[in-house]
C-alpha atoms as a PDB file:
ATOM      1  CA  UNK A   1       4.149  -5.250 -23.155  1.00  0.00           C
ATOM      2  CA  UNK A   2       3.340  -2.013 -21.316  1.00  0.00           C
ATOM      3  CA  UNK A   3       0.366  -1.555 -19.017  1.00  0.00           C
ATOM      4  CA  UNK A   4      -0.588   2.047 -18.230  1.00  0.00           C
ATOM      5  CA  UNK A   5      -1.732   0.869 -14.772  1.00  0.00           C
ATOM      6  CA  UNK A   6       1.838  -0.149 -13.893  1.00  0.00           C
ATOM      7  CA  UNK A   7       4.052   2.218 -11.930  1.00  0.00           C
ATOM      8  CA  UNK A   8       7.423   1.850 -10.218  1.00  0.00           C
ATOM      9  CA  UNK A   9       5.994   1.856  -6.682  1.00  0.00           C
ATOM     10  CA  UNK A  10       2.532   1.419  -5.234  1.00  0.00           C
ATOM     11  CA  UNK A  11       0.359   4.338  -6.420  1.00  0.00           C
ATOM     12  CA  UNK A  12      -2.088   5.883  -3.943  1.00  0.00           C
ATOM     13  CA  UNK A  13      -4.696   6.119  -6.707  1.00  0.00           C
ATOM     14  CA  UNK A  14      -5.245   2.369  -6.245  1.00  0.00           C
ATOM     15  CA  UNK A  15      -6.496   2.724  -2.654  1.00  0.00           C
ATOM     16  CA  UNK A  16     -10.229   2.930  -3.495  1.00  0.00           C
ATOM     17  CA  UNK A  17      -9.946  -0.501  -5.118  1.00  0.00           C
ATOM     18  CA  UNK A  18      -8.724  -1.969  -1.820  1.00  0.00           C
ATOM     19  CA  UNK A  19     -12.047  -1.337  -0.089  1.00  0.00           C
ATOM     20  CA  UNK A  20     -14.307  -4.310   0.648  1.00  0.00           C
ATOM     21  CA  UNK A  21     -11.480  -6.835   0.251  1.00  0.00           C
ATOM     22  CA  UNK A  22     -11.256  -7.594   3.969  1.00  0.00           C
ATOM     23  CA  UNK A  23     -13.249  -6.625   7.059  1.00  0.00           C
ATOM     24  CA  UNK A  24     -14.680  -3.352   8.399  1.00  0.00           C
ATOM     25  CA  UNK A  25     -11.479  -2.507  10.283  1.00  0.00           C
ATOM     26  CA  UNK A  26      -9.491  -2.624   7.032  1.00  0.00           C
ATOM     27  CA  UNK A  27     -12.137  -0.566   5.238  1.00  0.00           C
ATOM     28  CA  UNK A  28     -11.974   2.050   8.018  1.00  0.00           C
ATOM     29  CA  UNK A  29      -8.213   2.389   7.548  1.00  0.00           C
ATOM     30  CA  UNK A  30      -8.474   2.729   3.777  1.00  0.00           C
ATOM     31  CA  UNK A  31     -11.358   5.203   4.057  1.00  0.00           C
ATOM     32  CA  UNK A  32      -9.417   7.332   6.534  1.00  0.00           C
ATOM     33  CA  UNK A  33      -6.308   7.323   4.344  1.00  0.00           C
ATOM     34  CA  UNK A  34      -8.342   8.533   1.369  1.00  0.00           C
ATOM     35  CA  UNK A  35      -9.512  11.675   3.188  1.00  0.00           C
ATOM     36  CA  UNK A  36      -8.102  14.918   1.788  1.00  0.00           C
ATOM     37  CA  UNK A  37      -6.601  15.997   5.126  1.00  0.00           C
ATOM     38  CA  UNK A  38      -4.618  12.803   5.784  1.00  0.00           C
ATOM     39  CA  UNK A  39      -0.964  13.466   6.546  1.00  0.00           C
ATOM     40  CA  UNK A  40       1.852  12.807   4.130  1.00  0.00           C
ATOM     41  CA  UNK A  41       3.427  10.554   6.754  1.00  0.00           C
ATOM     42  CA  UNK A  42       0.331   8.331   6.813  1.00  0.00           C
ATOM     43  CA  UNK A  43       0.262   8.148   3.018  1.00  0.00           C
ATOM     44  CA  UNK A  44       3.956   7.300   2.839  1.00  0.00           C
ATOM     45  CA  UNK A  45       3.492   4.620   5.505  1.00  0.00           C
ATOM     46  CA  UNK A  46       0.756   2.977   3.467  1.00  0.00           C
ATOM     47  CA  UNK A  47       2.863   3.127   0.317  1.00  0.00           C
ATOM     48  CA  UNK A  48       5.749   1.531   2.233  1.00  0.00           C
ATOM     49  CA  UNK A  49       3.461  -1.208   3.529  1.00  0.00           C
ATOM     50  CA  UNK A  50       2.123  -2.021   0.080  1.00  0.00           C
ATOM     51  CA  UNK A  51       5.584  -1.862  -1.543  1.00  0.00           C
ATOM     52  CA  UNK A  52       6.826  -4.424   0.939  1.00  0.00           C
ATOM     53  CA  UNK A  53       3.785  -6.692   0.743  1.00  0.00           C
ATOM     54  CA  UNK A  54       3.477  -6.578  -3.037  1.00  0.00           C
ATOM     55  CA  UNK A  55       7.176  -6.749  -3.805  1.00  0.00           C
ATOM     56  CA  UNK A  56       7.133  -3.582  -5.911  1.00  0.00           C
ATOM     57  CA  UNK A  57      10.917  -3.245  -5.707  1.00  0.00           C
ATOM     58  CA  UNK A  58      11.389  -6.490  -7.631  1.00  0.00           C
ATOM     59  CA  UNK A  59       8.653  -5.838 -10.170  1.00  0.00           C
ATOM     60  CA  UNK A  60       9.766  -5.065 -13.718  1.00  0.00           C
ATOM     61  CA  UNK A  61       8.127  -4.429 -17.053  1.00  0.00           C
ATOM     62  CA  UNK A  62       8.394  -8.087 -18.079  1.00  0.00           C
ATOM     63  CA  UNK A  63       6.951  -9.548 -14.888  1.00  0.00           C
ATOM     64  CA  UNK A  64       3.492 -11.055 -14.678  1.00  0.00           C
ATOM     65  CA  UNK A  65       2.558  -8.543 -11.962  1.00  0.00           C
ATOM     66  CA  UNK A  66       3.542  -5.589 -14.146  1.00  0.00           C
ATOM     67  CA  UNK A  67       1.561  -6.947 -17.063  1.00  0.00           C
ATOM     68  CA  UNK A  68      -1.540  -7.176 -14.846  1.00  0.00           C
ATOM     69  CA  UNK A  69      -0.996  -3.703 -13.408  1.00  0.00           C
ATOM     70  CA  UNK A  70      -0.731  -2.187  -9.945  1.00  0.00           C
ATOM     71  CA  UNK A  71      -4.469  -2.292  -9.239  1.00  0.00           C
ATOM     72  CA  UNK A  72      -4.812  -6.039  -9.767  1.00  0.00           C
ATOM     73  CA  UNK A  73      -1.526  -6.764  -7.998  1.00  0.00           C
ATOM     74  CA  UNK A  74      -2.518  -4.734  -4.915  1.00  0.00           C
ATOM     75  CA  UNK A  75      -5.975  -6.303  -4.761  1.00  0.00           C
ATOM     76  CA  UNK A  76      -4.496  -9.775  -4.976  1.00  0.00           C
ATOM     77  CA  UNK A  77      -1.894  -8.954  -2.321  1.00  0.00           C
ATOM     78  CA  UNK A  78      -4.510  -7.703   0.138  1.00  0.00           C
ATOM     79  CA  UNK A  79      -6.843 -10.633  -0.539  1.00  0.00           C
ATOM     80  CA  UNK A  80      -4.086 -13.220  -0.130  1.00  0.00           C
ATOM     81  CA  UNK A  81      -2.627 -11.759   3.056  1.00  0.00           C
ATOM     82  CA  UNK A  82      -2.813 -14.749   5.400  1.00  0.00           C
ATOM     83  CA  UNK A  83      -2.933 -13.035   8.796  1.00  0.00           C
ATOM     84  CA  UNK A  84      -5.833 -11.036  10.188  1.00  0.00           C
ATOM     85  CA  UNK A  85      -6.722  -7.495   9.201  1.00  0.00           C
ATOM     86  CA  UNK A  86      -5.593  -6.456  12.693  1.00  0.00           C
ATOM     87  CA  UNK A  87      -2.117  -7.839  11.881  1.00  0.00           C
ATOM     88  CA  UNK A  88      -2.127  -6.002   8.574  1.00  0.00           C
ATOM     89  CA  UNK A  89      -3.062  -2.747  10.312  1.00  0.00           C
ATOM     90  CA  UNK A  90      -0.326  -3.326  12.880  1.00  0.00           C
ATOM     91  CA  UNK A  91       2.142  -3.661  10.005  1.00  0.00           C
ATOM     92  CA  UNK A  92       0.837  -0.334   8.698  1.00  0.00           C
ATOM     93  CA  UNK A  93       1.367   1.240  12.146  1.00  0.00           C
ATOM     94  CA  UNK A  94       4.932  -0.113  12.233  1.00  0.00           C
ATOM     95  CA  UNK A  95       5.554   1.353   8.778  1.00  0.00           C
ATOM     96  CA  UNK A  96       4.165   4.659  10.016  1.00  0.00           C
ATOM     97  CA  UNK A  97       6.592   4.703  12.943  1.00  0.00           C
ATOM     98  CA  UNK A  98       9.439   3.902  10.572  1.00  0.00           C
ATOM     99  CA  UNK A  99       8.474   6.777   8.263  1.00  0.00           C
ATOM    100  CA  UNK A 100       8.109   9.158  11.217  1.00  0.00           C
ATOM    101  CA  UNK A 101      11.585   8.236  12.471  1.00  0.00           C
ATOM    102  CA  UNK A 102      13.063   8.691   9.025  1.00  0.00           C
ATOM    103  CA  UNK A 103      11.415  12.081   8.505  1.00  0.00           C
ATOM    104  CA  UNK A 104      12.501  13.206  11.970  1.00  0.00           C
ATOM    105  CA  UNK A 105      16.105  12.174  11.272  1.00  0.00           C
ATOM    106  CA  UNK A 106      16.033  14.199   8.038  1.00  0.00           C
ATOM    107  CA  UNK A 107      14.845  17.295   9.915  1.00  0.00           C
ATOM    108  CA  UNK A 108      17.483  17.065  12.665  1.00  0.00           C
END
């Protein structure tokens, strides 16, 4: 079964659906990342965060997650995240630092 909402890694087009799933701090992050002038580094950091949280690397066409699609999987992942939104945002910031280091190493 193929779902046209299923991609190999977390798609940024899903971000608007992640609004209003947690608190105002989370919504502020998502809103900022949806702005047209947001940096590629910030976008990549969010993708990395969601790939890790959602388990995108282990998802395949026959999995339940793939059959539901990326939008439903991401929403469920964000809703079920046990720690606070502050912890989730700190994980995003750590992912951002990791992406920055990687991009810097590629430019050296």
